[in-house]
Amino acid sequence: MAALLLVPGCLVASEVLCELTRGGIDDAEGMVERGELLGLSADELVKRLGDPETDDRFYPADWYYHAGPDAACIDNRWLLLRFGGDGLVADARIMTD
């Protein structure tokens, strides 16, 4: 039988799991707040953020990226992007699932 030792200031198991599964885009919320993604082309986005998800999970978003878990490590955050008629990013926002 295993015992769990809790030491003040140390992470508990759920926090350790959260840290191990973080991933996502660093500072996605900051990029949205600063408007850094608006006006970028698809090629510029791929160079900056990598390949997107493109299925219709977050329709009407054209592309989306996993932005990591929320602060409580309960929900996932997603960066959603829509392109305008000119092929440039017209809308960028963060959503949780």
Protein backbone atom coordinates (compact mmCIF):
# COMPACT_ATOMS: atom_id res chain seq x y z
CA MET A 1 0.00 0.00 0.00
CA ALA A 2 1.43 3.36 -1.03
CA ALA A 3 1.23 6.46 1.11
CA LEU A 4 0.95 10.04 -0.09
CA LEU A 5 3.21 12.47 1.70
CA LEU A 6 2.07 16.09 1.55
CA VAL A 7 4.74 18.68 2.16
CA PRO A 8 3.76 22.36 2.44
CA GLY A 9 4.73 24.23 -0.71
CA CYS A 10 4.90 21.07 -2.84
CA LEU A 11 2.58 20.20 -5.71
CA VAL A 12 -0.20 17.66 -5.16
CA ALA A 13 -0.79 14.90 -7.73
CA SER A 14 -3.45 16.84 -9.69
CA GLU A 15 -1.15 19.85 -9.97
CA VAL A 16 1.71 17.66 -11.15
CA LEU A 17 -0.54 16.13 -13.83
CA CYS A 18 -1.65 19.61 -14.88
CA GLU A 19 1.97 20.75 -15.25
CA LEU A 20 2.84 17.66 -17.29
CA THR A 21 -0.04 18.24 -19.73
CA ARG A 22 0.22 22.03 -20.13
CA GLY A 23 1.48 22.48 -23.68
CA GLY A 24 -0.33 24.89 -25.98
CA ILE A 25 0.67 28.29 -27.26
CA ASP A 26 2.64 30.51 -24.90
CA ASP A 27 0.98 33.89 -24.35
CA ALA A 28 -1.98 33.25 -26.66
CA GLU A 29 -4.15 35.58 -24.57
CA GLY A 30 -1.50 38.30 -24.72
CA MET A 31 -1.26 38.02 -28.51
CA VAL A 32 -5.04 38.42 -28.77
CA GLU A 33 -5.16 41.35 -26.32
CA ARG A 34 -2.33 43.15 -28.14
CA GLY A 35 -3.91 42.50 -31.56
CA GLU A 36 -0.72 40.83 -32.82
CA LEU A 37 -2.53 38.24 -34.93
CA LEU A 38 -4.93 40.55 -36.75
CA GLY A 39 -3.94 41.16 -40.36
CA LEU A 40 -1.59 38.16 -40.59
CA SER A 41 -1.78 35.80 -43.57
CA ALA A 42 -2.14 32.03 -43.24
CA ASP A 43 1.54 31.59 -44.08
CA GLU A 44 2.57 34.10 -41.40
CA LEU A 45 0.42 32.28 -38.83
CA VAL A 46 1.96 28.90 -39.65
CA LYS A 47 5.47 30.37 -39.33
CA ARG A 48 4.59 31.92 -35.99
CA LEU A 49 2.32 29.29 -34.40
CA GLY A 50 2.77 26.09 -36.39
CA ASP A 51 0.11 24.05 -38.16
CA PRO A 52 -3.46 24.71 -36.98
CA GLU A 53 -6.43 22.49 -36.38
CA THR A 54 -8.90 23.04 -39.22
CA ASP A 55 -11.94 20.84 -38.62
CA ASP A 56 -15.33 22.36 -37.79
CA ARG A 57 -15.14 21.83 -34.01
CA PHE A 58 -15.29 25.59 -33.38
CA TYR A 59 -17.30 26.66 -36.42
CA PRO A 60 -17.36 29.44 -37.63
CA ALA A 61 -13.65 29.72 -36.74
CA ASP A 62 -11.48 28.91 -39.75
CA TRP A 63 -8.48 27.76 -37.73
CA TYR A 64 -7.85 27.01 -34.09
CA TYR A 65 -4.93 26.18 -31.82
CA HIS A 66 -4.79 24.57 -28.41
CA ALA A 67 -3.68 27.32 -26.03
CA GLY A 68 -3.22 25.07 -22.99
CA PRO A 69 -5.32 24.50 -19.88
CA ASP A 70 -6.94 27.28 -17.92
CA ALA A 71 -5.38 28.46 -14.66
CA ALA A 72 -7.31 25.88 -12.63
CA CYS A 73 -6.31 23.12 -15.07
CA ILE A 74 -9.97 22.16 -15.50
CA ASP A 75 -10.82 23.37 -19.00
CA ASN A 76 -8.78 23.76 -22.18
CA ARG A 77 -8.21 27.17 -23.72
CA TRP A 78 -8.38 27.54 -27.51
CA LEU A 79 -7.17 30.29 -29.81
CA LEU A 80 -9.83 30.74 -32.51
CA LEU A 81 -9.07 32.57 -35.75
CA ARG A 82 -11.28 33.77 -38.60
CA PHE A 83 -10.02 35.06 -41.91
CA GLY A 84 -11.56 37.95 -43.79
CA GLY A 85 -12.32 38.10 -47.50
CA ASP A 86 -8.78 39.36 -48.10
CA GLY A 87 -7.30 36.15 -46.63
CA LEU A 88 -5.95 37.89 -43.52
CA VAL A 89 -6.89 37.27 -39.89
CA ALA A 90 -9.96 39.39 -39.17
CA ASP A 91 -10.82 38.00 -35.72
CA ALA A 92 -8.82 36.28 -32.98
CA ARG A 93 -10.20 35.22 -29.60
CA ILE A 94 -9.66 32.80 -26.72
CA MET A 95 -12.39 30.36 -25.70
CA THR A 96 -12.58 27.52 -23.19
CA ASP A 97 -14.27 24.16 -23.60
